[in-house]
Amino acid sequence: MEHIGFIGAGNMAEALVKGLLSSGEYGKADISVSDISKKRLKHMSTEYGVYTTEDNKEIVRRADLIILAVKPNHVTRVVDKIKTYITKNKILVSIAAGMSMSSLSKAVKKKAKIVRVMPNTPALVLSGASVLYCNEMLTEDDREQVRKIFEHVGIAYLVDEEKMLDAVTGLSGSGPAFVSMFVEALSDGGVKMGLPRQMAHALAAQTVYGTAKMIIESDAHPGEFKDKVTSPGGTTIEGIHQLEKTGFRSSAISAVEAATLRSKELSKEEK
């Protein structure tokens, strides 16, 4: 069993620790966490029983796989302090948005096994969507090992082209914000038509959750579920007509496109 070390003890790191322990494949002794915040370290130690330290170098020495869970603007500085301890057999995983593989490689300053991952916030409730891009140093077994780690907090895909991560950022990375706005709008609609706010909020959120669950579990096209609810001359087709008149689909597509293009811009700025 490999030892997994986390540099950074924020929400995403905590989600991964929770998922790994919940899987039963990893125990407390298999995970170490470092952070500059003593408060966060105390929380991780108390809540999950994992080893904690303020020393990033100790994490790299202990771990077979190191997950960089720090903000993008801190990555280069953190890697510079630990690069001596990143040996050819260790795997370095970065979840920093917009931090390219070339920048990570440049920071390490040696041939190393490096993985870029774009996770999303629903990982906090073990329902995330993550996409991974690995450099050429990783073996097929290495790639699967890392993918399975992220499967413990949702679904995880491997891609062979780094540029796909921009589209992933636009869709699943930014998507939770778009979906949250839709839930809020549904709730507002219910309130406008006379429902109490708390009930409208609960109905809207549960409707989105339940619909997504049906689509995932059946693997059917979303249009099939739309058609099942849409009876001739009924209430739903009236609502759909209004959504189409106000450009609902076009707005959703444009939102993903805009977020993707901005991700590409940020990657260029980072260079």
C-alpha atoms as a PDB file:
ATOM      1  CA  MET A   1       0.000   0.000   0.000  1.00  0.00           C
ATOM      2  CA  GLU A   2       1.445   3.347  -1.049  1.00  0.00           C
ATOM      3  CA  HIS A   3       1.672   6.240   1.388  1.00  0.00           C
ATOM      4  CA  ILE A   4      -0.155   9.397   0.290  1.00  0.00           C
ATOM      5  CA  GLY A   5       1.004  12.811   1.417  1.00  0.00           C
ATOM      6  CA  PHE A   6      -0.949  16.058   1.144  1.00  0.00           C
ATOM      7  CA  ILE A   7       0.732  19.432   1.051  1.00  0.00           C
ATOM      8  CA  GLY A   8      -2.121  21.732   1.977  1.00  0.00           C
ATOM      9  CA  ALA A   9      -5.050  20.861   4.230  1.00  0.00           C
ATOM     10  CA  GLY A  10      -7.851  22.848   2.612  1.00  0.00           C
ATOM     11  CA  ASN A  11     -11.327  21.681   1.617  1.00  0.00           C
ATOM     12  CA  MET A  12     -10.247  19.645  -1.411  1.00  0.00           C
ATOM     13  CA  ALA A  13      -7.488  17.875   0.520  1.00  0.00           C
ATOM     14  CA  GLU A  14      -9.968  17.085   3.284  1.00  0.00           C
ATOM     15  CA  ALA A  15     -12.454  15.707   0.756  1.00  0.00           C
ATOM     16  CA  LEU A  16      -9.789  13.383  -0.652  1.00  0.00           C
ATOM     17  CA  VAL A  17      -8.689  12.239   2.800  1.00  0.00           C
ATOM     18  CA  LYS A  18     -12.314  11.543   3.717  1.00  0.00           C
ATOM     19  CA  GLY A  19     -12.851   9.617   0.486  1.00  0.00           C
ATOM     20  CA  LEU A  20      -9.693   7.543   0.854  1.00  0.00           C
ATOM     21  CA  LEU A  21     -10.515   6.559   4.426  1.00  0.00           C
ATOM     22  CA  SER A  22     -14.166   5.841   3.576  1.00  0.00           C
ATOM     23  CA  SER A  23     -13.084   3.493   0.781  1.00  0.00           C
ATOM     24  CA  GLY A  24     -11.529   1.063   3.248  1.00  0.00           C
ATOM     25  CA  GLU A  25      -8.493   0.734   0.991  1.00  0.00           C
ATOM     26  CA  TYR A  26      -6.478   3.227   3.021  1.00  0.00           C
ATOM     27  CA  GLY A  27      -5.998   3.534   6.764  1.00  0.00           C
ATOM     28  CA  LYS A  28      -4.985   6.482   8.914  1.00  0.00           C
ATOM     29  CA  ALA A  29      -1.360   5.326   8.856  1.00  0.00           C
ATOM     30  CA  ASP A  30      -1.319   5.545   5.035  1.00  0.00           C
ATOM     31  CA  ILE A  31      -1.948   9.312   4.932  1.00  0.00           C
ATOM     32  CA  SER A  32       0.067  12.359   6.021  1.00  0.00           C
ATOM     33  CA  VAL A  33      -0.901  16.026   5.785  1.00  0.00           C
ATOM     34  CA  SER A  34       1.060  19.281   6.053  1.00  0.00           C
ATOM     35  CA  ASP A  35      -0.135  22.874   6.216  1.00  0.00           C
ATOM     36  CA  ILE A  36       0.976  26.259   7.536  1.00  0.00           C
ATOM     37  CA  SER A  37      -2.255  26.514   9.543  1.00  0.00           C
ATOM     38  CA  LYS A  38      -2.052  24.820  12.937  1.00  0.00           C
ATOM     39  CA  LYS A  39      -5.825  25.072  13.185  1.00  0.00           C
ATOM     40  CA  ARG A  40      -6.310  23.054   9.988  1.00  0.00           C
ATOM     41  CA  LEU A  41      -3.734  20.484  11.062  1.00  0.00           C
ATOM     42  CA  LYS A  42      -5.453  20.032  14.417  1.00  0.00           C
ATOM     43  CA  HIS A  43      -8.770  19.563  12.624  1.00  0.00           C
ATOM     44  CA  MET A  44      -7.325  16.913  10.268  1.00  0.00           C
ATOM     45  CA  SER A  45      -5.675  15.082  13.147  1.00  0.00           C
ATOM     46  CA  THR A  46      -8.747  15.174  15.398  1.00  0.00           C
ATOM     47  CA  GLU A  47     -11.337  14.453  12.709  1.00  0.00           C
ATOM     48  CA  TYR A  48      -9.492  11.784  10.706  1.00  0.00           C
ATOM     49  CA  GLY A  49      -6.593  10.613  12.866  1.00  0.00           C
ATOM     50  CA  VAL A  50      -3.989  11.107  10.122  1.00  0.00           C
ATOM     51  CA  TYR A  51      -0.406  12.200  10.728  1.00  0.00           C
ATOM     52  CA  THR A  52       0.092  15.970  10.449  1.00  0.00           C
ATOM     53  CA  THR A  53       3.111  18.239  10.291  1.00  0.00           C
ATOM     54  CA  GLU A  54       4.076  21.774   9.308  1.00  0.00           C
ATOM     55  CA  ASP A  55       7.092  20.410   7.409  1.00  0.00           C
ATOM     56  CA  ASN A  56       6.426  19.902   3.680  1.00  0.00           C
ATOM     57  CA  LYS A  57       9.766  18.155   3.232  1.00  0.00           C
ATOM     58  CA  GLU A  58       8.762  15.516   5.765  1.00  0.00           C
ATOM     59  CA  ILE A  59       5.608  14.819   3.774  1.00  0.00           C
ATOM     60  CA  VAL A  60       7.624  14.235   0.585  1.00  0.00           C
ATOM     61  CA  ARG A  61      10.108  11.983   2.379  1.00  0.00           C
ATOM     62  CA  ARG A  62       7.296   9.859   3.852  1.00  0.00           C
ATOM     63  CA  ALA A  63       5.027   9.657   0.802  1.00  0.00           C
ATOM     64  CA  ASP A  64       5.064   7.634  -2.406  1.00  0.00           C
ATOM     65  CA  LEU A  65       2.457   9.939  -3.918  1.00  0.00           C
ATOM     66  CA  ILE A  66       2.351  13.650  -3.070  1.00  0.00           C
ATOM     67  CA  ILE A  67      -0.757  15.743  -3.710  1.00  0.00           C
ATOM     68  CA  LEU A  68      -0.151  19.490  -4.020  1.00  0.00           C
ATOM     69  CA  ALA A  69      -3.344  20.996  -2.633  1.00  0.00           C
ATOM     70  CA  VAL A  70      -2.195  24.610  -2.428  1.00  0.00           C
ATOM     71  CA  LYS A  71      -3.291  27.729  -4.310  1.00  0.00           C
ATOM     72  CA  PRO A  72      -1.797  28.140  -7.816  1.00  0.00           C
ATOM     73  CA  ASN A  73       0.272  31.175  -6.821  1.00  0.00           C
ATOM     74  CA  HIS A  74       1.984  29.130  -4.093  1.00  0.00           C
ATOM     75  CA  VAL A  75       2.861  26.060  -6.165  1.00  0.00           C
ATOM     76  CA  THR A  76       6.228  27.218  -7.544  1.00  0.00           C
ATOM     77  CA  ARG A  77       7.473  28.347  -4.144  1.00  0.00           C
ATOM     78  CA  VAL A  78       6.356  25.129  -2.446  1.00  0.00           C
ATOM     79  CA  VAL A  79       7.857  22.888  -5.133  1.00  0.00           C
ATOM     80  CA  ASP A  80      11.158  24.767  -5.003  1.00  0.00           C
ATOM     81  CA  LYS A  81      11.502  23.811  -1.315  1.00  0.00           C
ATOM     82  CA  ILE A  82      10.692  20.117  -1.809  1.00  0.00           C
ATOM     83  CA  LYS A  83      12.132  19.315  -5.258  1.00  0.00           C
ATOM     84  CA  THR A  84      15.301  17.716  -3.812  1.00  0.00           C
ATOM     85  CA  TYR A  85      13.171  15.006  -2.207  1.00  0.00           C
ATOM     86  CA  ILE A  86      11.082  14.230  -5.302  1.00  0.00           C
ATOM     87  CA  THR A  87      12.798  11.063  -6.521  1.00  0.00           C
ATOM     88  CA  LYS A  88      12.088   9.179  -9.751  1.00  0.00           C
ATOM     89  CA  ASN A  89       9.786   6.703  -8.015  1.00  0.00           C
ATOM     90  CA  LYS A  90       7.514   9.295  -6.396  1.00  0.00           C
ATOM     91  CA  ILE A  91       4.427  10.741  -8.090  1.00  0.00           C
ATOM     92  CA  LEU A  92       3.671  14.460  -7.802  1.00  0.00           C
ATOM     93  CA  VAL A  93       0.009  15.380  -8.283  1.00  0.00           C
ATOM     94  CA  SER A  94      -1.118  18.999  -8.649  1.00  0.00           C
ATOM     95  CA  ILE A  95      -4.748  20.106  -8.298  1.00  0.00           C
ATOM     96  CA  ALA A  96      -3.852  23.774  -8.854  1.00  0.00           C
ATOM     97  CA  ALA A  97      -6.070  25.227 -11.590  1.00  0.00           C
ATOM     98  CA  GLY A  98      -4.243  26.749 -14.556  1.00  0.00           C
ATOM     99  CA  MET A  99      -0.804  25.464 -13.521  1.00  0.00           C
ATOM    100  CA  SER A 100       0.472  23.831 -16.721  1.00  0.00           C
ATOM    101  CA  MET A 101       2.528  20.676 -16.954  1.00  0.00           C
ATOM    102  CA  SER A 102       5.447  22.637 -18.405  1.00  0.00           C
ATOM    103  CA  SER A 103       5.398  25.025 -15.430  1.00  0.00           C
ATOM    104  CA  LEU A 104       5.272  22.143 -12.969  1.00  0.00           C
ATOM    105  CA  SER A 105       8.156  20.401 -14.733  1.00  0.00           C
ATOM    106  CA  LYS A 106      10.159  23.621 -14.764  1.00  0.00           C
ATOM    107  CA  ALA A 107       9.591  24.034 -11.022  1.00  0.00           C
ATOM    108  CA  VAL A 108      10.734  20.475 -10.247  1.00  0.00           C
ATOM    109  CA  LYS A 109      13.850  20.933 -12.439  1.00  0.00           C
ATOM    110  CA  LYS A 110      14.300  17.222 -13.100  1.00  0.00           C
ATOM    111  CA  LYS A 111      12.570  14.296 -14.777  1.00  0.00           C
ATOM    112  CA  ALA A 112       9.709  13.317 -12.506  1.00  0.00           C
ATOM    113  CA  LYS A 113       6.307  11.654 -12.543  1.00  0.00           C
ATOM    114  CA  ILE A 114       3.842  14.554 -12.616  1.00  0.00           C
ATOM    115  CA  VAL A 115       0.043  14.598 -12.856  1.00  0.00           C
ATOM    116  CA  ARG A 116      -2.309  17.542 -13.362  1.00  0.00           C
ATOM    117  CA  VAL A 117      -5.823  17.086 -12.035  1.00  0.00           C
ATOM    118  CA  MET A 118      -8.889  19.274 -12.492  1.00  0.00           C
ATOM    119  CA  PRO A 119     -11.326  18.275  -9.717  1.00  0.00           C
ATOM    120  CA  ASN A 120     -14.498  20.125  -8.760  1.00  0.00           C
ATOM    121  CA  THR A 121     -16.179  21.183  -5.539  1.00  0.00           C
ATOM    122  CA  PRO A 122     -18.791  18.370  -5.292  1.00  0.00           C
ATOM    123  CA  ALA A 123     -15.804  16.222  -4.286  1.00  0.00           C
ATOM    124  CA  LEU A 124     -16.507  17.725  -0.847  1.00  0.00           C
ATOM    125  CA  VAL A 125     -19.581  15.455  -0.663  1.00  0.00           C
ATOM    126  CA  LEU A 126     -17.823  12.561  -2.441  1.00  0.00           C
ATOM    127  CA  SER A 127     -19.689  13.310  -5.683  1.00  0.00           C
ATOM    128  CA  GLY A 128     -16.999  15.101  -7.647  1.00  0.00           C
ATOM    129  CA  ALA A 129     -15.833  14.927 -11.242  1.00  0.00           C
ATOM    130  CA  SER A 130     -12.070  14.869 -11.837  1.00  0.00           C
ATOM    131  CA  VAL A 131     -10.000  14.716 -15.020  1.00  0.00           C
ATOM    132  CA  LEU A 132      -6.314  13.780 -15.006  1.00  0.00           C
ATOM    133  CA  TYR A 133      -3.435  14.443 -17.395  1.00  0.00           C
ATOM    134  CA  CYS A 134      -0.179  12.573 -16.775  1.00  0.00           C
ATOM    135  CA  ASN A 135       3.257  13.189 -18.222  1.00  0.00           C
ATOM    136  CA  GLU A 136       5.210  10.521 -20.091  1.00  0.00           C
ATOM    137  CA  MET A 137       7.107   9.409 -16.974  1.00  0.00           C
ATOM    138  CA  LEU A 138       4.126   7.581 -15.496  1.00  0.00           C
ATOM    139  CA  THR A 139       3.530   3.916 -16.286  1.00  0.00           C
ATOM    140  CA  GLU A 140       0.057   2.596 -17.063  1.00  0.00           C
ATOM    141  CA  ASP A 141      -0.123   1.224 -13.510  1.00  0.00           C
ATOM    142  CA  ASP A 142       0.844   4.646 -12.133  1.00  0.00           C
ATOM    143  CA  ARG A 143      -1.914   6.302 -14.152  1.00  0.00           C
ATOM    144  CA  GLU A 144      -4.537   3.878 -12.873  1.00  0.00           C
ATOM    145  CA  GLN A 145      -3.299   4.261  -9.312  1.00  0.00           C
ATOM    146  CA  VAL A 146      -3.808   8.028  -9.399  1.00  0.00           C
ATOM    147  CA  ARG A 147      -7.157   7.777 -11.180  1.00  0.00           C
ATOM    148  CA  LYS A 148      -8.478   5.399  -8.508  1.00  0.00           C
ATOM    149  CA  ILE A 149      -7.536   7.851  -5.777  1.00  0.00           C
ATOM    150  CA  PHE A 150      -9.793  10.476  -7.316  1.00  0.00           C
ATOM    151  CA  GLU A 151     -12.536   7.910  -7.933  1.00  0.00           C
ATOM    152  CA  HIS A 152     -12.917   7.752  -4.158  1.00  0.00           C
ATOM    153  CA  VAL A 153     -14.488  11.237  -4.305  1.00  0.00           C
ATOM    154  CA  GLY A 154     -16.576  10.790  -7.464  1.00  0.00           C
ATOM    155  CA  ILE A 155     -15.823   9.943 -11.094  1.00  0.00           C
ATOM    156  CA  ALA A 156     -12.378  10.324 -12.666  1.00  0.00           C
ATOM    157  CA  TYR A 157     -11.208  10.336 -16.286  1.00  0.00           C
ATOM    158  CA  LEU A 158      -7.740  10.199 -17.830  1.00  0.00           C
ATOM    159  CA  VAL A 159      -7.021  12.312 -20.930  1.00  0.00           C
ATOM    160  CA  ASP A 160      -4.068  12.143 -23.309  1.00  0.00           C
ATOM    161  CA  GLU A 161      -4.090  15.841 -24.277  1.00  0.00           C
ATOM    162  CA  GLU A 162      -3.441  18.544 -21.715  1.00  0.00           C
ATOM    163  CA  LYS A 163      -5.460  21.116 -23.684  1.00  0.00           C
ATOM    164  CA  MET A 164      -8.631  19.171 -22.820  1.00  0.00           C
ATOM    165  CA  LEU A 165      -8.285  20.385 -19.234  1.00  0.00           C
ATOM    166  CA  ASP A 166      -9.396  23.861 -20.350  1.00  0.00           C
ATOM    167  CA  ALA A 167     -12.727  22.465 -21.535  1.00  0.00           C
ATOM    168  CA  VAL A 168     -12.971  20.415 -18.334  1.00  0.00           C
ATOM    169  CA  THR A 169     -12.471  23.628 -16.364  1.00  0.00           C
ATOM    170  CA  GLY A 170     -15.263  25.283 -18.339  1.00  0.00           C
ATOM    171  CA  LEU A 171     -17.686  22.384 -17.892  1.00  0.00           C
ATOM    172  CA  SER A 172     -17.203  20.534 -14.600  1.00  0.00           C
ATOM    173  CA  GLY A 173     -14.897  23.047 -12.919  1.00  0.00           C
ATOM    174  CA  SER A 174     -17.193  26.042 -13.379  1.00  0.00           C
ATOM    175  CA  GLY A 175     -20.348  23.960 -13.749  1.00  0.00           C
ATOM    176  CA  PRO A 176     -21.253  23.815 -10.034  1.00  0.00           C
ATOM    177  CA  ALA A 177     -21.653  27.618 -10.093  1.00  0.00           C
ATOM    178  CA  PHE A 178     -23.907  27.435 -13.166  1.00  0.00           C
ATOM    179  CA  VAL A 179     -26.020  24.657 -11.632  1.00  0.00           C
ATOM    180  CA  SER A 180     -26.253  26.561  -8.344  1.00  0.00           C
ATOM    181  CA  MET A 181     -27.606  29.572 -10.228  1.00  0.00           C
ATOM    182  CA  PHE A 182     -30.208  27.337 -11.890  1.00  0.00           C
ATOM    183  CA  VAL A 183     -31.287  25.916  -8.529  1.00  0.00           C
ATOM    184  CA  GLU A 184     -31.552  29.447  -7.148  1.00  0.00           C
ATOM    185  CA  ALA A 185     -33.611  30.527 -10.168  1.00  0.00           C
ATOM    186  CA  LEU A 186     -35.973  27.561  -9.826  1.00  0.00           C
ATOM    187  CA  SER A 187     -36.385  28.389  -6.154  1.00  0.00           C
ATOM    188  CA  ASP A 188     -37.135  32.041  -6.980  1.00  0.00           C
ATOM    189  CA  GLY A 189     -39.727  30.873  -9.473  1.00  0.00           C
ATOM    190  CA  GLY A 190     -41.426  28.821  -6.793  1.00  0.00           C
ATOM    191  CA  VAL A 191     -41.429  31.774  -4.401  1.00  0.00           C
ATOM    192  CA  LYS A 192     -42.903  34.025  -7.096  1.00  0.00           C
ATOM    193  CA  MET A 193     -45.739  31.559  -7.536  1.00  0.00           C
ATOM    194  CA  GLY A 194     -46.499  31.413  -3.803  1.00  0.00           C
ATOM    195  CA  LEU A 195     -44.279  28.732  -2.239  1.00  0.00           C
ATOM    196  CA  PRO A 196     -42.461  29.362   1.057  1.00  0.00           C
ATOM    197  CA  ARG A 197     -38.742  30.060   0.460  1.00  0.00           C
ATOM    198  CA  GLN A 198     -37.450  27.051   2.433  1.00  0.00           C
ATOM    199  CA  MET A 199     -39.781  24.659   0.633  1.00  0.00           C
ATOM    200  CA  ALA A 200     -38.972  26.155  -2.784  1.00  0.00           C
ATOM    201  CA  HIS A 201     -35.232  25.838  -2.100  1.00  0.00           C
ATOM    202  CA  ALA A 202     -35.555  22.210  -0.992  1.00  0.00           C
ATOM    203  CA  LEU A 203     -37.772  21.263  -3.947  1.00  0.00           C
ATOM    204  CA  ALA A 204     -35.429  22.925  -6.451  1.00  0.00           C
ATOM    205  CA  ALA A 205     -32.271  21.316  -5.067  1.00  0.00           C
ATOM    206  CA  GLN A 206     -33.864  17.870  -4.747  1.00  0.00           C
ATOM    207  CA  THR A 207     -35.266  18.099  -8.280  1.00  0.00           C
ATOM    208  CA  VAL A 208     -31.820  18.806  -9.753  1.00  0.00           C
ATOM    209  CA  TYR A 209     -30.191  16.126  -7.578  1.00  0.00           C
ATOM    210  CA  GLY A 210     -32.816  13.492  -8.388  1.00  0.00           C
ATOM    211  CA  THR A 211     -32.770  14.217 -12.114  1.00  0.00           C
ATOM    212  CA  ALA A 212     -28.976  14.014 -12.245  1.00  0.00           C
ATOM    213  CA  LYS A 213     -29.094  10.727 -10.304  1.00  0.00           C
ATOM    214  CA  MET A 214     -31.583   9.235 -12.772  1.00  0.00           C
ATOM    215  CA  ILE A 215     -29.443  10.261 -15.755  1.00  0.00           C
ATOM    216  CA  ILE A 216     -26.254   8.865 -14.205  1.00  0.00           C
ATOM    217  CA  GLU A 217     -27.772   5.567 -13.104  1.00  0.00           C
ATOM    218  CA  SER A 218     -29.579   4.888 -16.389  1.00  0.00           C
ATOM    219  CA  ASP A 219     -26.835   6.198 -18.705  1.00  0.00           C
ATOM    220  CA  ALA A 220     -29.645   7.462 -20.949  1.00  0.00           C
ATOM    221  CA  HIS A 221     -29.583  10.689 -22.951  1.00  0.00           C
ATOM    222  CA  PRO A 222     -30.954  13.625 -20.915  1.00  0.00           C
ATOM    223  CA  GLY A 223     -33.471  14.291 -23.699  1.00  0.00           C
ATOM    224  CA  GLU A 224     -35.222  10.998 -22.909  1.00  0.00           C
ATOM    225  CA  PHE A 225     -36.031  12.179 -19.382  1.00  0.00           C
ATOM    226  CA  LYS A 226     -37.203  15.533 -20.696  1.00  0.00           C
ATOM    227  CA  ASP A 227     -39.597  13.781 -23.076  1.00  0.00           C
ATOM    228  CA  LYS A 228     -40.994  11.538 -20.313  1.00  0.00           C
ATOM    229  CA  VAL A 229     -42.060  14.594 -18.313  1.00  0.00           C
ATOM    230  CA  THR A 230     -43.330  16.562 -21.310  1.00  0.00           C
ATOM    231  CA  SER A 231     -46.898  15.549 -22.116  1.00  0.00           C
ATOM    232  CA  PRO A 232     -48.779  17.025 -25.109  1.00  0.00           C
ATOM    233  CA  GLY A 233     -50.336  20.393 -24.325  1.00  0.00           C
ATOM    234  CA  GLY A 234     -49.186  20.173 -20.705  1.00  0.00           C
ATOM    235  CA  THR A 235     -47.437  22.438 -18.215  1.00  0.00           C
ATOM    236  CA  THR A 236     -43.881  21.293 -18.931  1.00  0.00           C
ATOM    237  CA  ILE A 237     -43.926  22.039 -22.665  1.00  0.00           C
ATOM    238  CA  GLU A 238     -45.117  25.559 -21.840  1.00  0.00           C
ATOM    239  CA  GLY A 239     -42.144  26.026 -19.545  1.00  0.00           C
ATOM    240  CA  ILE A 240     -39.723  24.547 -22.095  1.00  0.00           C
ATOM    241  CA  HIS A 241     -41.075  26.876 -24.770  1.00  0.00           C
ATOM    242  CA  GLN A 242     -40.343  29.852 -22.513  1.00  0.00           C
ATOM    243  CA  LEU A 243     -36.804  28.594 -21.779  1.00  0.00           C
ATOM    244  CA  GLU A 244     -36.138  28.237 -25.499  1.00  0.00           C
ATOM    245  CA  LYS A 245     -37.497  31.732 -26.239  1.00  0.00           C
ATOM    246  CA  THR A 246     -35.067  33.207 -23.691  1.00  0.00           C
ATOM    247  CA  GLY A 247     -32.080  31.253 -25.032  1.00  0.00           C
ATOM    248  CA  PHE A 248     -31.632  28.791 -22.167  1.00  0.00           C
ATOM    249  CA  ARG A 249     -29.587  26.188 -24.083  1.00  0.00           C
ATOM    250  CA  SER A 250     -27.577  28.812 -25.924  1.00  0.00           C
ATOM    251  CA  SER A 251     -26.747  30.569 -22.637  1.00  0.00           C
ATOM    252  CA  ALA A 252     -25.554  27.326 -21.038  1.00  0.00           C
ATOM    253  CA  ILE A 253     -23.353  26.481 -24.038  1.00  0.00           C
ATOM    254  CA  SER A 254     -21.956  30.002 -24.122  1.00  0.00           C
ATOM    255  CA  ALA A 255     -21.185  29.886 -20.405  1.00  0.00           C
ATOM    256  CA  VAL A 256     -19.072  26.733 -20.806  1.00  0.00           C
ATOM    257  CA  GLU A 257     -17.389  28.228 -23.873  1.00  0.00           C
ATOM    258  CA  ALA A 258     -16.575  31.493 -22.065  1.00  0.00           C
ATOM    259  CA  ALA A 259     -15.164  29.683 -19.031  1.00  0.00           C
ATOM    260  CA  THR A 260     -13.050  27.449 -21.277  1.00  0.00           C
ATOM    261  CA  LEU A 261     -11.618  30.407 -23.199  1.00  0.00           C
ATOM    262  CA  ARG A 262     -10.829  32.181 -19.936  1.00  0.00           C
ATOM    263  CA  SER A 263      -9.012  29.067 -18.714  1.00  0.00           C
ATOM    264  CA  LYS A 264      -6.884  29.166 -21.861  1.00  0.00           C
ATOM    265  CA  GLU A 265      -6.141  32.846 -21.276  1.00  0.00           C
ATOM    266  CA  LEU A 266      -5.072  32.189 -17.714  1.00  0.00           C
ATOM    267  CA  SER A 267      -2.735  29.427 -18.878  1.00  0.00           C
ATOM    268  CA  LYS A 268      -1.065  31.855 -21.263  1.00  0.00           C
ATOM    269  CA  GLU A 269      -0.787  34.517 -18.566  1.00  0.00           C
ATOM    270  CA  GLU A 270       0.805  31.975 -16.252  1.00  0.00           C
ATOM    271  CA  LYS A 271       3.548  31.344 -18.831  1.00  0.00           C
END
